[in-house]
């Protein structure tokens, strides 16, 4: 009897242990099922993302192919027209040479002095015209393969936000952290070492030490602004000495019409820009020392404005100069263009 009870208790204990082990196993299987589902979902989303990016690249290449074909057709038409015009000119002078040959035959029997007076004058006139004739093949300057080659494929748009610890006192950052304007009133802020104290400038919270990066800024109808990159060691106090040697790679706009690149010259270099872009794209390739600025109004026809080539060391920050509000004339905000989620 006692033996039977002991066996019964033992079997009950084993049953409990088996049930616990079964429950743990079922939980582990469920966890593995969830992990498998997560992996499958991640791979599925990755495939979709790759497909979307490849579709973007195909669209971009199609646009480039059509644009290059159009420019090549224009160049062919222009060059052909130029050559046809030059051929007509050469044909005209060939006719004059034939006429001159006739003149020579006419004066063969004349006295030498009469020949020198009439024949040599006609020949000199024709030869002078020939000497002034130049064959010129006109290829349109718009056919610039270099510009297309310099245009990088940058599908990933950086999601930047303004750094309030760097903003000059008159700058007001909107709640979303992506818009900033210059106010008439100074804000109550601490005197941080990273804060601009005179110029109406600020940087983003994000910074870069390597890789490729691209961001866009809405300038819209703002008549004065500057954008670009600054190094971590660049001076932010007092009047800014804006040049690459001082850690600034900047393009600016002033008077509602003049675009300029702040190179090493005493005066900024004026840029030739078609129209007035409302959205500026900035591309950084750290390893190659490239900072490029683009008119990004049309995503299918991004136009290069300017490129800096330098050697970068340390940390770089996207830079924004809102400029003085000019009593309302330049009160429009700068806006970081946010990537679509």
Protein backbone atom coordinates (compact mmCIF):
# COMPACT_ATOMS: atom_id res chain seq x y z
CA UNK A 1 0.00 0.00 0.00
CA UNK A 2 2.74 2.46 0.98
CA UNK A 3 4.70 1.49 -2.11
CA UNK A 4 1.71 2.22 -4.28
CA UNK A 5 1.26 5.64 -2.68
CA UNK A 6 4.93 6.49 -3.17
CA UNK A 7 4.77 5.47 -6.80
CA UNK A 8 1.59 7.49 -7.25
CA UNK A 9 3.20 10.60 -5.72
CA UNK A 10 6.30 10.12 -7.82
CA UNK A 11 4.22 9.80 -10.95
CA UNK A 12 2.30 12.94 -10.02
CA UNK A 13 5.53 14.87 -9.54
CA UNK A 14 6.87 13.64 -12.85
CA UNK A 15 3.61 14.64 -14.52
CA UNK A 16 3.93 18.15 -13.09
CA UNK A 17 7.52 18.38 -14.29
CA UNK A 18 6.49 17.16 -17.72
CA UNK A 19 3.70 19.72 -17.87
CA UNK A 20 6.11 22.48 -16.88
CA UNK A 21 8.63 21.32 -19.48
CA UNK A 22 5.86 21.16 -22.08
CA UNK A 23 4.74 24.69 -21.20
CA UNK A 24 8.31 26.01 -21.45
CA UNK A 25 8.79 24.24 -24.76
CA UNK A 26 5.54 25.68 -26.10
CA UNK A 27 6.67 29.18 -25.05
CA UNK A 28 10.04 28.65 -26.71
CA UNK A 29 8.37 27.42 -29.90
CA UNK A 30 6.03 30.43 -29.85
CA UNK A 31 9.00 32.75 -29.35
CA UNK A 32 10.85 31.10 -32.23
CA UNK A 33 7.73 31.42 -34.38
CA UNK A 34 7.59 35.16 -33.62
CA UNK A 35 11.29 35.55 -34.39
CA UNK A 36 10.87 33.69 -37.68
CA UNK A 37 7.93 35.96 -38.54
CA UNK A 38 9.97 39.05 -37.64
CA UNK A 39 12.87 37.87 -39.79
CA UNK A 40 10.51 37.19 -42.68
CA UNK A 41 8.89 40.61 -42.25
CA UNK A 42 12.29 42.32 -42.07
CA UNK A 43 13.48 40.55 -45.23
CA UNK A 44 10.21 41.38 -46.97
CA UNK A 45 10.51 45.06 -46.09
CA UNK A 46 14.16 45.03 -47.15
CA UNK A 47 13.21 43.57 -50.54
CA UNK A 48 10.52 46.22 -50.97
CA UNK A 49 13.00 48.96 -50.04
CA UNK A 50 15.59 47.62 -52.47
CA UNK A 51 12.95 47.43 -55.21
CA UNK A 52 11.85 50.99 -54.53
CA UNK A 53 15.43 52.31 -54.55
CA UNK A 54 16.18 50.46 -57.79
CA UNK A 55 13.04 51.94 -59.33
CA UNK A 56 14.24 55.40 -58.29
CA UNK A 57 17.62 54.70 -59.89
CA UNK A 58 15.96 53.46 -63.09
CA UNK A 59 13.81 56.57 -63.25
CA UNK A 60 16.85 58.75 -62.62
CA UNK A 61 18.83 56.99 -65.37
CA UNK A 62 15.88 57.28 -67.78
CA UNK A 63 15.70 61.03 -67.14
CA UNK A 64 19.47 61.36 -67.60
CA UNK A 65 19.35 59.36 -70.85
CA UNK A 66 16.55 61.53 -72.27
CA UNK A 67 18.27 64.74 -71.17
CA UNK A 68 21.60 63.72 -72.69
CA UNK A 69 19.89 62.63 -75.90
CA UNK A 70 18.13 66.00 -76.16
CA UNK A 71 21.37 67.90 -75.57
CA UNK A 72 23.19 65.71 -78.09
CA UNK A 73 20.47 66.41 -80.67
CA UNK A 74 20.81 70.14 -80.02
CA UNK A 75 24.59 69.92 -80.40
CA UNK A 76 24.24 67.95 -83.64
CA UNK A 77 21.79 70.51 -85.04
CA UNK A 78 23.97 73.46 -84.02
CA UNK A 79 27.20 71.90 -85.31
CA UNK A 80 25.57 70.86 -88.58
CA UNK A 81 24.13 74.34 -89.10
CA UNK A 82 27.55 75.87 -88.40
CA UNK A 83 29.30 73.57 -90.85
CA UNK A 84 26.67 74.13 -93.55
CA UNK A 85 27.11 77.89 -93.10
CA UNK A 86 30.89 77.59 -93.38
CA UNK A 87 30.49 75.40 -96.48
CA UNK A 88 28.39 78.10 -98.12
CA UNK A 89 31.06 80.66 -97.26
CA UNK A 90 33.80 78.45 -98.72
CA UNK A 91 31.72 77.88 -101.85
CA UNK A 92 31.32 81.64 -102.22
CA UNK A 93 35.07 82.23 -101.97
CA UNK A 94 35.74 79.32 -104.32
CA UNK A 95 33.56 81.10 -106.85
CA UNK A 96 35.59 84.26 -106.25
CA UNK A 97 38.80 82.33 -106.88
CA UNK A 98 37.37 81.07 -110.15
CA UNK A 99 36.47 84.63 -111.06
CA UNK A 100 40.00 85.69 -110.18
CA UNK A 101 41.31 82.96 -112.47
CA UNK A 102 39.18 84.46 -115.23
CA UNK A 103 40.63 87.89 -114.46
CA UNK A 104 44.13 86.47 -114.84
CA UNK A 105 43.27 85.04 -118.24
CA UNK A 106 41.77 88.37 -119.32
CA UNK A 107 44.92 90.29 -118.46
CA UNK A 108 47.40 87.78 -119.84
CA UNK A 109 47.69 89.73 -123.09
CA UNK A 110 47.71 93.17 -121.41
CA UNK A 111 50.77 95.28 -120.71
CA UNK A 112 52.57 94.45 -117.43
CA UNK A 113 51.76 97.77 -115.83
CA UNK A 114 48.05 97.37 -116.63
CA UNK A 115 48.12 93.85 -115.14
CA UNK A 116 49.67 95.11 -111.92
CA UNK A 117 47.06 97.85 -111.65
CA UNK A 118 43.94 95.73 -112.29
CA UNK A 119 44.81 92.04 -111.75
CA UNK A 120 46.90 92.32 -108.59
CA UNK A 121 44.26 94.52 -106.95
CA UNK A 122 41.52 91.94 -107.55
CA UNK A 123 43.71 89.08 -106.29
CA UNK A 124 44.73 90.97 -103.16
CA UNK A 125 41.06 91.69 -102.39
CA UNK A 126 40.08 88.02 -102.68
CA UNK A 127 43.06 86.69 -100.72
CA UNK A 128 42.43 89.16 -97.91
CA UNK A 129 38.88 87.83 -97.58
CA UNK A 130 40.17 84.25 -97.54
CA UNK A 131 42.71 85.05 -94.84
CA UNK A 132 39.92 86.42 -92.64
CA UNK A 133 37.79 83.28 -92.99
CA UNK A 134 37.80 80.89 -90.00
CA UNK A 135 35.91 77.60 -89.79
CA UNK A 136 34.22 77.50 -86.38
CA UNK A 137 32.34 74.47 -85.02
CA UNK A 138 29.89 75.67 -82.39
CA UNK A 139 29.09 73.11 -79.69
CA UNK A 140 26.55 74.37 -77.12
CA UNK A 141 28.00 74.87 -73.67
CA UNK A 142 24.87 73.31 -72.19
CA UNK A 143 26.11 69.89 -73.36
CA UNK A 144 28.20 69.34 -70.26
CA UNK A 145 28.79 65.71 -69.45
CA UNK A 146 30.92 66.80 -66.50
CA UNK A 147 27.88 68.36 -64.82
CA UNK A 148 25.97 65.10 -65.14
CA UNK A 149 28.93 63.10 -63.84
CA UNK A 150 29.25 65.42 -60.85
CA UNK A 151 25.59 64.95 -59.99
CA UNK A 152 25.63 62.24 -57.31
CA UNK A 153 22.88 59.68 -56.78
CA UNK A 154 21.77 60.43 -53.25
CA UNK A 155 18.51 58.62 -52.45
CA UNK A 156 18.78 58.94 -48.67
CA UNK A 157 17.72 62.32 -47.30
CA UNK A 158 19.15 63.21 -43.89
CA UNK A 159 16.56 63.93 -41.20
CA UNK A 160 18.19 66.99 -39.59
CA UNK A 161 16.97 69.17 -36.72
CA UNK A 162 18.27 72.56 -35.56
CA UNK A 163 20.46 72.71 -32.47
CA UNK A 164 19.05 75.33 -30.04
CA UNK A 165 22.33 75.35 -28.09
CA UNK A 166 24.05 76.86 -31.16
CA UNK A 167 21.39 79.42 -32.16
CA UNK A 168 22.17 83.14 -31.90
CA UNK A 169 19.91 85.04 -29.48
CA UNK A 170 17.59 86.52 -32.12
CA UNK A 171 16.79 83.16 -33.67
CA UNK A 172 13.53 81.40 -32.89
CA UNK A 173 13.32 77.67 -33.60
CA UNK A 174 9.84 76.31 -34.26
CA UNK A 175 8.43 73.43 -32.23
CA UNK A 176 9.17 70.85 -34.93
CA UNK A 177 12.87 71.72 -34.76
CA UNK A 178 13.02 72.12 -38.56
CA UNK A 179 12.13 75.81 -39.07
CA UNK A 180 13.94 78.88 -37.78
CA UNK A 181 13.43 82.62 -38.17
CA UNK A 182 15.13 85.80 -37.00
CA UNK A 183 13.16 87.84 -34.46
CA UNK A 184 13.48 91.48 -33.43
CA UNK A 185 13.67 90.36 -29.82
CA UNK A 186 16.55 88.52 -28.22
CA UNK A 187 15.77 85.22 -26.53
CA UNK A 188 16.84 84.39 -22.98
CA UNK A 189 19.58 81.84 -23.66
CA UNK A 190 22.73 80.66 -21.93
CA UNK A 191 26.13 81.68 -23.26
CA UNK A 192 27.26 78.31 -24.57
CA UNK A 193 30.70 77.93 -26.19
CA UNK A 194 28.92 76.43 -29.19
CA UNK A 195 26.52 79.39 -29.59
CA UNK A 196 26.92 82.04 -32.29
CA UNK A 197 26.91 85.37 -30.47
CA UNK A 198 26.83 87.92 -33.32
CA UNK A 199 25.94 86.31 -36.65
CA UNK A 200 22.35 85.07 -37.00
CA UNK A 201 23.48 81.48 -37.44
CA UNK A 202 23.06 78.00 -36.03
CA UNK A 203 23.95 74.40 -36.86
CA UNK A 204 22.10 71.10 -36.76
CA UNK A 205 22.21 68.66 -33.89
CA UNK A 206 23.54 66.08 -36.33
CA UNK A 207 27.18 66.06 -37.41
CA UNK A 208 29.34 63.94 -39.70
CA UNK A 209 32.82 62.43 -39.52
CA UNK A 210 32.61 60.07 -42.49
CA UNK A 211 30.43 58.79 -45.29
CA UNK A 212 28.08 60.41 -47.81
CA UNK A 213 25.22 62.69 -46.74
CA UNK A 214 22.56 64.78 -48.44
CA UNK A 215 20.04 67.24 -47.03
CA UNK A 216 17.75 69.90 -48.43
CA UNK A 217 16.73 73.35 -47.15
CA UNK A 218 13.66 75.33 -48.18
CA UNK A 219 14.72 78.95 -48.78
CA UNK A 220 11.63 79.84 -50.85
CA UNK A 221 11.45 83.63 -51.45
CA UNK A 222 13.88 84.61 -48.70
CA UNK A 223 16.15 87.38 -50.14
CA UNK A 224 19.20 86.69 -47.91
CA UNK A 225 20.62 83.45 -46.53
CA UNK A 226 23.74 81.27 -46.40
CA UNK A 227 24.03 77.48 -46.18
CA UNK A 228 26.73 74.86 -46.07
CA UNK A 229 29.09 73.17 -43.64
CA UNK A 230 31.40 74.26 -40.84
CA UNK A 231 34.06 72.35 -38.97
CA UNK A 232 33.76 71.66 -35.26
CA UNK A 233 36.75 73.93 -34.61
CA UNK A 234 35.44 76.90 -36.63
CA UNK A 235 35.08 80.12 -34.64
CA UNK A 236 31.46 80.96 -33.81
CA UNK A 237 32.06 84.17 -31.88
CA UNK A 238 32.16 87.70 -33.27
CA UNK A 239 32.34 88.42 -36.98
CA UNK A 240 32.66 85.20 -38.95
CA UNK A 241 35.57 84.86 -41.37
CA UNK A 242 33.86 82.64 -43.90
CA UNK A 243 36.30 80.64 -46.03
CA UNK A 244 37.38 77.00 -46.35
CA UNK A 245 40.70 77.72 -44.62
CA UNK A 246 38.69 78.89 -41.59
CA UNK A 247 36.45 75.82 -41.62
CA UNK A 248 33.49 77.22 -43.62
CA UNK A 249 32.22 75.80 -46.92
CA UNK A 250 29.37 78.17 -47.67
CA UNK A 251 27.11 79.32 -50.51
CA UNK A 252 25.02 82.45 -49.96
CA UNK A 253 22.29 84.56 -51.51
CA UNK A 254 21.87 88.32 -51.11
CA UNK A 255 19.77 91.19 -52.39
CA UNK A 256 17.29 88.67 -53.76
CA UNK A 257 19.40 88.10 -56.88
CA UNK A 258 23.10 87.33 -56.26
CA UNK A 259 24.40 83.82 -55.50
CA UNK A 260 27.95 83.53 -54.24
CA UNK A 261 30.45 80.94 -53.06
CA UNK A 262 32.73 81.93 -50.20
CA UNK A 263 36.09 80.74 -51.48
CA UNK A 264 39.54 81.96 -50.44
CA UNK A 265 39.35 85.24 -52.34
CA UNK A 266 38.73 88.52 -50.52
CA UNK A 267 35.38 88.78 -52.28
CA UNK A 268 32.96 85.84 -52.70
CA UNK A 269 32.80 84.28 -56.15
CA UNK A 270 29.55 85.10 -57.95
CA UNK A 271 27.68 82.04 -59.25
CA UNK A 272 25.59 81.79 -62.41
CA UNK A 273 22.26 80.27 -61.38
CA UNK A 274 19.16 79.96 -63.55
CA UNK A 275 16.12 81.44 -61.86
CA UNK A 276 15.72 81.53 -58.08
CA UNK A 277 15.69 78.02 -56.54
CA UNK A 278 13.33 77.61 -53.62
CA UNK A 279 14.97 74.40 -52.37
CA UNK A 280 18.74 73.95 -52.01
CA UNK A 281 20.30 70.50 -51.81
CA UNK A 282 23.68 70.00 -50.12
CA UNK A 283 25.76 66.88 -50.72
CA UNK A 284 28.79 65.84 -48.66
CA UNK A 285 31.20 63.07 -49.58
CA UNK A 286 33.59 63.07 -46.65
CA UNK A 287 36.31 60.75 -47.96
CA UNK A 288 36.64 62.62 -51.29
CA UNK A 289 36.50 66.08 -49.73
CA UNK A 290 33.47 67.12 -51.80
CA UNK A 291 30.71 69.55 -50.84
CA UNK A 292 28.24 70.29 -53.64
CA UNK A 293 25.24 72.62 -53.74
CA UNK A 294 22.24 71.96 -55.99
CA UNK A 295 19.07 73.60 -57.21
CA UNK A 296 16.75 70.80 -56.02
CA UNK A 297 13.38 72.29 -56.99
CA UNK A 298 12.82 69.53 -59.54
CA UNK A 299 13.89 66.12 -58.25
CA UNK A 300 14.08 64.84 -61.83
CA UNK A 301 16.33 67.69 -62.95
CA UNK A 302 18.68 68.56 -60.09
CA UNK A 303 21.10 71.29 -61.20
CA UNK A 304 24.63 71.74 -59.88
CA UNK A 305 25.32 75.25 -58.50
CA UNK A 306 28.78 74.93 -56.99
CA UNK A 307 31.28 72.38 -55.66
CA UNK A 308 34.05 72.74 -53.07
CA UNK A 309 36.94 70.27 -53.12
CA UNK A 310 38.95 70.10 -49.92
CA UNK A 311 40.37 67.73 -47.30
CA UNK A 312 38.16 67.24 -44.25
CA UNK A 313 39.35 66.44 -40.76
CA UNK A 314 37.33 66.02 -37.59
CA UNK A 315 33.62 66.67 -37.26
CA UNK A 316 31.50 68.71 -39.69
CA UNK A 317 28.13 70.36 -38.97
CA UNK A 318 25.43 71.47 -41.43
CA UNK A 319 25.39 75.29 -41.19
CA UNK A 320 22.51 77.75 -41.56
CA UNK A 321 22.75 81.54 -41.68
CA UNK A 322 19.24 82.99 -41.37
CA UNK A 323 20.63 86.54 -41.74
CA UNK A 324 19.21 89.67 -40.12
CA UNK A 325 15.43 90.05 -40.45
CA UNK A 326 15.92 93.55 -41.92
CA UNK A 327 12.78 94.83 -40.21
CA UNK A 328 10.53 92.33 -41.96
CA UNK A 329 12.14 92.36 -45.40
CA UNK A 330 14.03 89.12 -44.63
CA UNK A 331 11.73 87.63 -42.00
CA UNK A 332 11.00 84.41 -43.91
CA UNK A 333 12.18 81.27 -42.08
CA UNK A 334 14.67 78.68 -43.25
CA UNK A 335 13.16 75.20 -43.25
CA UNK A 336 14.90 71.84 -43.25
CA UNK A 337 13.12 69.65 -45.79
CA UNK A 338 12.05 66.51 -43.96
CA UNK A 339 12.23 63.08 -45.65
CA UNK A 340 8.92 61.38 -46.33
CA UNK A 341 8.22 58.75 -43.71
